[in-house]
Protein backbone atom coordinates (compact mmCIF):
# COMPACT_ATOMS: atom_id res chain seq x y z
CA UNK A 1 0.00 0.00 0.00
CA UNK A 2 2.98 2.35 0.35
CA UNK A 3 4.11 2.11 -3.26
CA UNK A 4 2.59 3.35 -6.47
CA UNK A 5 1.83 0.78 -9.15
CA UNK A 6 1.32 1.96 -12.72
CA UNK A 7 -0.01 -0.26 -15.47
CA UNK A 8 0.38 0.73 -19.12
CA UNK A 9 -1.68 -1.31 -21.54
CA UNK A 10 -3.38 -0.83 -24.89
CA UNK A 11 -6.31 -3.13 -24.06
CA UNK A 12 -9.60 -1.49 -23.34
CA UNK A 13 -10.27 -0.44 -19.79
CA UNK A 14 -12.54 -3.26 -18.54
CA UNK A 15 -14.21 -4.52 -15.38
CA UNK A 16 -11.05 -6.27 -14.15
CA UNK A 17 -9.17 -2.97 -14.25
CA UNK A 18 -12.04 -1.23 -12.43
CA UNK A 19 -11.94 -3.94 -9.75
CA UNK A 20 -8.19 -3.42 -9.23
CA UNK A 21 -8.67 0.34 -9.01
CA UNK A 22 -11.37 -0.17 -6.37
CA UNK A 23 -9.29 -2.54 -4.25
CA UNK A 24 -5.86 -0.96 -4.71
CA UNK A 25 -5.91 2.84 -4.44
CA UNK A 26 -2.16 2.89 -5.16
CA UNK A 27 -2.75 1.44 -8.66
CA UNK A 28 -3.00 3.74 -11.69
CA UNK A 29 -3.96 2.52 -15.14
CA UNK A 30 -2.77 4.22 -18.33
CA UNK A 31 -4.72 3.04 -21.36
CA UNK A 32 -2.25 3.68 -24.17
CA UNK A 33 0.78 2.07 -25.82
CA UNK A 34 3.94 1.73 -23.72
CA UNK A 35 5.98 3.55 -26.36
CA UNK A 36 6.58 6.39 -26.49
CA UNK A 37 6.57 6.46 -22.70
CA UNK A 38 3.34 8.04 -21.46
CA UNK A 39 3.95 11.29 -19.57
CA UNK A 40 2.15 9.86 -16.51
CA UNK A 41 4.80 7.13 -16.02
CA UNK A 42 6.94 8.32 -13.10
CA UNK A 43 10.71 8.32 -12.73
CA UNK A 44 12.23 6.03 -10.10
CA UNK A 45 10.68 2.75 -11.29
CA UNK A 46 11.68 -0.11 -8.95
CA UNK A 47 10.07 -2.96 -10.90
CA UNK A 48 9.57 -2.89 -14.67
CA UNK A 49 7.72 -5.70 -16.46
CA UNK A 50 8.45 -5.86 -20.18
CA UNK A 51 5.77 -7.73 -22.07
CA UNK A 52 6.13 -6.25 -25.52
CA UNK A 53 6.00 -7.53 -29.08
CA UNK A 54 7.91 -10.81 -29.21
CA UNK A 55 11.01 -9.61 -31.04
CA UNK A 56 14.58 -8.74 -30.15
CA UNK A 57 14.24 -5.19 -31.43
CA UNK A 58 11.10 -4.34 -29.44
CA UNK A 59 12.29 -5.94 -26.18
CA UNK A 60 15.66 -4.21 -26.52
CA UNK A 61 14.15 -0.85 -27.46
CA UNK A 62 11.53 -0.91 -24.71
CA UNK A 63 14.19 -1.55 -22.07
CA UNK A 64 16.44 1.18 -23.49
CA UNK A 65 13.73 3.86 -23.47
CA UNK A 66 12.55 2.98 -19.94
CA UNK A 67 16.08 2.64 -18.51
CA UNK A 68 16.43 6.37 -17.71
CA UNK A 69 13.25 6.12 -15.60
CA UNK A 70 14.50 3.18 -13.50
CA UNK A 71 15.72 3.57 -9.94
CA UNK A 72 19.45 3.15 -9.43
CA UNK A 73 18.68 -0.46 -8.46
CA UNK A 74 15.63 -2.05 -10.07
CA UNK A 75 14.20 -5.41 -11.06
CA UNK A 76 13.29 -5.84 -14.72
CA UNK A 77 11.03 -8.74 -15.68
CA UNK A 78 10.95 -10.10 -19.23
CA UNK A 79 7.90 -12.06 -20.32
CA UNK A 80 7.69 -14.51 -23.25
CA UNK A 81 11.40 -15.21 -23.72
CA UNK A 82 10.73 -18.07 -26.15
CA UNK A 83 7.86 -16.63 -28.19
CA UNK A 84 8.36 -16.53 -31.95
CA UNK A 85 12.11 -16.77 -32.63
CA UNK A 86 13.51 -16.39 -29.08
CA UNK A 87 14.07 -12.68 -29.81
CA UNK A 88 13.16 -11.57 -26.30
CA UNK A 89 15.55 -14.20 -24.90
CA UNK A 90 18.34 -12.83 -27.10
CA UNK A 91 17.74 -9.27 -25.86
CA UNK A 92 17.53 -10.48 -22.24
CA UNK A 93 20.83 -12.37 -22.56
CA UNK A 94 22.63 -9.40 -24.12
CA UNK A 95 22.01 -6.96 -21.27
CA UNK A 96 25.11 -6.80 -19.01
CA UNK A 97 23.32 -7.22 -15.69
CA UNK A 98 22.80 -10.10 -13.28
CA UNK A 99 19.88 -12.23 -14.36
CA UNK A 100 18.08 -15.49 -13.83
CA UNK A 101 15.90 -17.34 -16.25
CA UNK A 102 12.89 -19.02 -14.62
CA UNK A 103 10.82 -20.50 -17.41
CA UNK A 104 8.72 -22.38 -14.86
CA UNK A 105 7.06 -19.07 -13.93
CA UNK A 106 5.61 -18.96 -17.46
CA UNK A 107 5.96 -22.50 -18.85
CA UNK A 108 4.43 -21.74 -22.24
CA UNK A 109 6.88 -19.00 -23.24
CA UNK A 110 9.54 -18.44 -20.59
CA UNK A 111 10.34 -15.72 -18.07
CA UNK A 112 13.49 -13.77 -17.13
CA UNK A 113 14.40 -11.66 -14.10
CA UNK A 114 17.18 -9.09 -14.33
CA UNK A 115 18.75 -7.00 -11.56
CA UNK A 116 19.47 -3.58 -13.02
CA UNK A 117 22.16 -1.56 -11.27
CA UNK A 118 22.94 1.86 -12.74
CA UNK A 119 26.63 2.38 -13.52
CA UNK A 120 27.57 -1.26 -12.96
C-alpha atoms as a PDB file:
ATOM      1  CA  UNK A   1       0.000   0.000   0.000  1.00  0.00           C
ATOM      2  CA  UNK A   2       2.977   2.351   0.349  1.00  0.00           C
ATOM      3  CA  UNK A   3       4.110   2.113  -3.264  1.00  0.00           C
ATOM      4  CA  UNK A   4       2.595   3.350  -6.470  1.00  0.00           C
ATOM      5  CA  UNK A   5       1.826   0.779  -9.153  1.00  0.00           C
ATOM      6  CA  UNK A   6       1.318   1.962 -12.717  1.00  0.00           C
ATOM      7  CA  UNK A   7      -0.012  -0.261 -15.475  1.00  0.00           C
ATOM      8  CA  UNK A   8       0.379   0.732 -19.115  1.00  0.00           C
ATOM      9  CA  UNK A   9      -1.677  -1.307 -21.545  1.00  0.00           C
ATOM     10  CA  UNK A  10      -3.376  -0.832 -24.891  1.00  0.00           C
ATOM     11  CA  UNK A  11      -6.314  -3.134 -24.061  1.00  0.00           C
ATOM     12  CA  UNK A  12      -9.604  -1.488 -23.338  1.00  0.00           C
ATOM     13  CA  UNK A  13     -10.274  -0.444 -19.792  1.00  0.00           C
ATOM     14  CA  UNK A  14     -12.537  -3.258 -18.544  1.00  0.00           C
ATOM     15  CA  UNK A  15     -14.210  -4.524 -15.380  1.00  0.00           C
ATOM     16  CA  UNK A  16     -11.055  -6.272 -14.147  1.00  0.00           C
ATOM     17  CA  UNK A  17      -9.167  -2.971 -14.245  1.00  0.00           C
ATOM     18  CA  UNK A  18     -12.037  -1.234 -12.432  1.00  0.00           C
ATOM     19  CA  UNK A  19     -11.936  -3.941  -9.747  1.00  0.00           C
ATOM     20  CA  UNK A  20      -8.194  -3.415  -9.230  1.00  0.00           C
ATOM     21  CA  UNK A  21      -8.668   0.344  -9.009  1.00  0.00           C
ATOM     22  CA  UNK A  22     -11.375  -0.167  -6.367  1.00  0.00           C
ATOM     23  CA  UNK A  23      -9.291  -2.544  -4.247  1.00  0.00           C
ATOM     24  CA  UNK A  24      -5.857  -0.960  -4.707  1.00  0.00           C
ATOM     25  CA  UNK A  25      -5.909   2.838  -4.436  1.00  0.00           C
ATOM     26  CA  UNK A  26      -2.164   2.890  -5.162  1.00  0.00           C
ATOM     27  CA  UNK A  27      -2.751   1.442  -8.659  1.00  0.00           C
ATOM     28  CA  UNK A  28      -2.998   3.737 -11.685  1.00  0.00           C
ATOM     29  CA  UNK A  29      -3.958   2.516 -15.143  1.00  0.00           C
ATOM     30  CA  UNK A  30      -2.775   4.222 -18.326  1.00  0.00           C
ATOM     31  CA  UNK A  31      -4.717   3.038 -21.361  1.00  0.00           C
ATOM     32  CA  UNK A  32      -2.248   3.682 -24.170  1.00  0.00           C
ATOM     33  CA  UNK A  33       0.785   2.068 -25.816  1.00  0.00           C
ATOM     34  CA  UNK A  34       3.937   1.732 -23.722  1.00  0.00           C
ATOM     35  CA  UNK A  35       5.985   3.550 -26.360  1.00  0.00           C
ATOM     36  CA  UNK A  36       6.577   6.390 -26.491  1.00  0.00           C
ATOM     37  CA  UNK A  37       6.570   6.464 -22.703  1.00  0.00           C
ATOM     38  CA  UNK A  38       3.339   8.037 -21.463  1.00  0.00           C
ATOM     39  CA  UNK A  39       3.946  11.285 -19.566  1.00  0.00           C
ATOM     40  CA  UNK A  40       2.150   9.857 -16.506  1.00  0.00           C
ATOM     41  CA  UNK A  41       4.799   7.128 -16.019  1.00  0.00           C
ATOM     42  CA  UNK A  42       6.943   8.315 -13.097  1.00  0.00           C
ATOM     43  CA  UNK A  43      10.706   8.316 -12.728  1.00  0.00           C
ATOM     44  CA  UNK A  44      12.231   6.030 -10.097  1.00  0.00           C
ATOM     45  CA  UNK A  45      10.678   2.746 -11.286  1.00  0.00           C
ATOM     46  CA  UNK A  46      11.681  -0.105  -8.954  1.00  0.00           C
ATOM     47  CA  UNK A  47      10.069  -2.958 -10.902  1.00  0.00           C
ATOM     48  CA  UNK A  48       9.569  -2.894 -14.667  1.00  0.00           C
ATOM     49  CA  UNK A  49       7.720  -5.703 -16.456  1.00  0.00           C
ATOM     50  CA  UNK A  50       8.454  -5.860 -20.183  1.00  0.00           C
ATOM     51  CA  UNK A  51       5.768  -7.731 -22.066  1.00  0.00           C
ATOM     52  CA  UNK A  52       6.132  -6.249 -25.516  1.00  0.00           C
ATOM     53  CA  UNK A  53       5.999  -7.526 -29.082  1.00  0.00           C
ATOM     54  CA  UNK A  54       7.907 -10.805 -29.213  1.00  0.00           C
ATOM     55  CA  UNK A  55      11.013  -9.605 -31.039  1.00  0.00           C
ATOM     56  CA  UNK A  56      14.584  -8.739 -30.150  1.00  0.00           C
ATOM     57  CA  UNK A  57      14.236  -5.189 -31.430  1.00  0.00           C
ATOM     58  CA  UNK A  58      11.103  -4.344 -29.445  1.00  0.00           C
ATOM     59  CA  UNK A  59      12.286  -5.941 -26.179  1.00  0.00           C
ATOM     60  CA  UNK A  60      15.665  -4.211 -26.518  1.00  0.00           C
ATOM     61  CA  UNK A  61      14.152  -0.855 -27.465  1.00  0.00           C
ATOM     62  CA  UNK A  62      11.533  -0.915 -24.710  1.00  0.00           C
ATOM     63  CA  UNK A  63      14.187  -1.555 -22.066  1.00  0.00           C
ATOM     64  CA  UNK A  64      16.435   1.178 -23.489  1.00  0.00           C
ATOM     65  CA  UNK A  65      13.726   3.863 -23.473  1.00  0.00           C
ATOM     66  CA  UNK A  66      12.551   2.979 -19.944  1.00  0.00           C
ATOM     67  CA  UNK A  67      16.080   2.641 -18.512  1.00  0.00           C
ATOM     68  CA  UNK A  68      16.427   6.371 -17.707  1.00  0.00           C
ATOM     69  CA  UNK A  69      13.247   6.119 -15.596  1.00  0.00           C
ATOM     70  CA  UNK A  70      14.497   3.181 -13.503  1.00  0.00           C
ATOM     71  CA  UNK A  71      15.715   3.566  -9.938  1.00  0.00           C
ATOM     72  CA  UNK A  72      19.453   3.146  -9.432  1.00  0.00           C
ATOM     73  CA  UNK A  73      18.681  -0.458  -8.463  1.00  0.00           C
ATOM     74  CA  UNK A  74      15.629  -2.053 -10.070  1.00  0.00           C
ATOM     75  CA  UNK A  75      14.196  -5.407 -11.058  1.00  0.00           C
ATOM     76  CA  UNK A  76      13.293  -5.838 -14.725  1.00  0.00           C
ATOM     77  CA  UNK A  77      11.034  -8.739 -15.677  1.00  0.00           C
ATOM     78  CA  UNK A  78      10.953 -10.097 -19.227  1.00  0.00           C
ATOM     79  CA  UNK A  79       7.905 -12.060 -20.318  1.00  0.00           C
ATOM     80  CA  UNK A  80       7.692 -14.505 -23.245  1.00  0.00           C
ATOM     81  CA  UNK A  81      11.402 -15.215 -23.718  1.00  0.00           C
ATOM     82  CA  UNK A  82      10.727 -18.073 -26.146  1.00  0.00           C
ATOM     83  CA  UNK A  83       7.861 -16.634 -28.186  1.00  0.00           C
ATOM     84  CA  UNK A  84       8.363 -16.527 -31.954  1.00  0.00           C
ATOM     85  CA  UNK A  85      12.112 -16.769 -32.632  1.00  0.00           C
ATOM     86  CA  UNK A  86      13.509 -16.392 -29.076  1.00  0.00           C
ATOM     87  CA  UNK A  87      14.074 -12.679 -29.810  1.00  0.00           C
ATOM     88  CA  UNK A  88      13.157 -11.575 -26.303  1.00  0.00           C
ATOM     89  CA  UNK A  89      15.554 -14.198 -24.904  1.00  0.00           C
ATOM     90  CA  UNK A  90      18.342 -12.833 -27.097  1.00  0.00           C
ATOM     91  CA  UNK A  91      17.741  -9.267 -25.865  1.00  0.00           C
ATOM     92  CA  UNK A  92      17.527 -10.482 -22.245  1.00  0.00           C
ATOM     93  CA  UNK A  93      20.828 -12.373 -22.557  1.00  0.00           C
ATOM     94  CA  UNK A  94      22.633  -9.396 -24.119  1.00  0.00           C
ATOM     95  CA  UNK A  95      22.005  -6.963 -21.274  1.00  0.00           C
ATOM     96  CA  UNK A  96      25.107  -6.796 -19.010  1.00  0.00           C
ATOM     97  CA  UNK A  97      23.318  -7.223 -15.692  1.00  0.00           C
ATOM     98  CA  UNK A  98      22.800 -10.104 -13.279  1.00  0.00           C
ATOM     99  CA  UNK A  99      19.884 -12.231 -14.355  1.00  0.00           C
ATOM    100  CA  UNK A 100      18.082 -15.494 -13.831  1.00  0.00           C
ATOM    101  CA  UNK A 101      15.896 -17.342 -16.254  1.00  0.00           C
ATOM    102  CA  UNK A 102      12.889 -19.019 -14.619  1.00  0.00           C
ATOM    103  CA  UNK A 103      10.822 -20.497 -17.412  1.00  0.00           C
ATOM    104  CA  UNK A 104       8.721 -22.381 -14.859  1.00  0.00           C
ATOM    105  CA  UNK A 105       7.062 -19.074 -13.933  1.00  0.00           C
ATOM    106  CA  UNK A 106       5.609 -18.959 -17.459  1.00  0.00           C
ATOM    107  CA  UNK A 107       5.957 -22.495 -18.851  1.00  0.00           C
ATOM    108  CA  UNK A 108       4.434 -21.742 -22.244  1.00  0.00           C
ATOM    109  CA  UNK A 109       6.881 -18.996 -23.243  1.00  0.00           C
ATOM    110  CA  UNK A 110       9.540 -18.435 -20.586  1.00  0.00           C
ATOM    111  CA  UNK A 111      10.344 -15.722 -18.068  1.00  0.00           C
ATOM    112  CA  UNK A 112      13.493 -13.765 -17.126  1.00  0.00           C
ATOM    113  CA  UNK A 113      14.401 -11.660 -14.104  1.00  0.00           C
ATOM    114  CA  UNK A 114      17.177  -9.085 -14.330  1.00  0.00           C
ATOM    115  CA  UNK A 115      18.751  -7.002 -11.555  1.00  0.00           C
ATOM    116  CA  UNK A 116      19.468  -3.584 -13.018  1.00  0.00           C
ATOM    117  CA  UNK A 117      22.163  -1.558 -11.267  1.00  0.00           C
ATOM    118  CA  UNK A 118      22.938   1.858 -12.743  1.00  0.00           C
ATOM    119  CA  UNK A 119      26.633   2.384 -13.524  1.00  0.00           C
ATOM    120  CA  UNK A 120      27.569  -1.262 -12.962  1.00  0.00           C
END
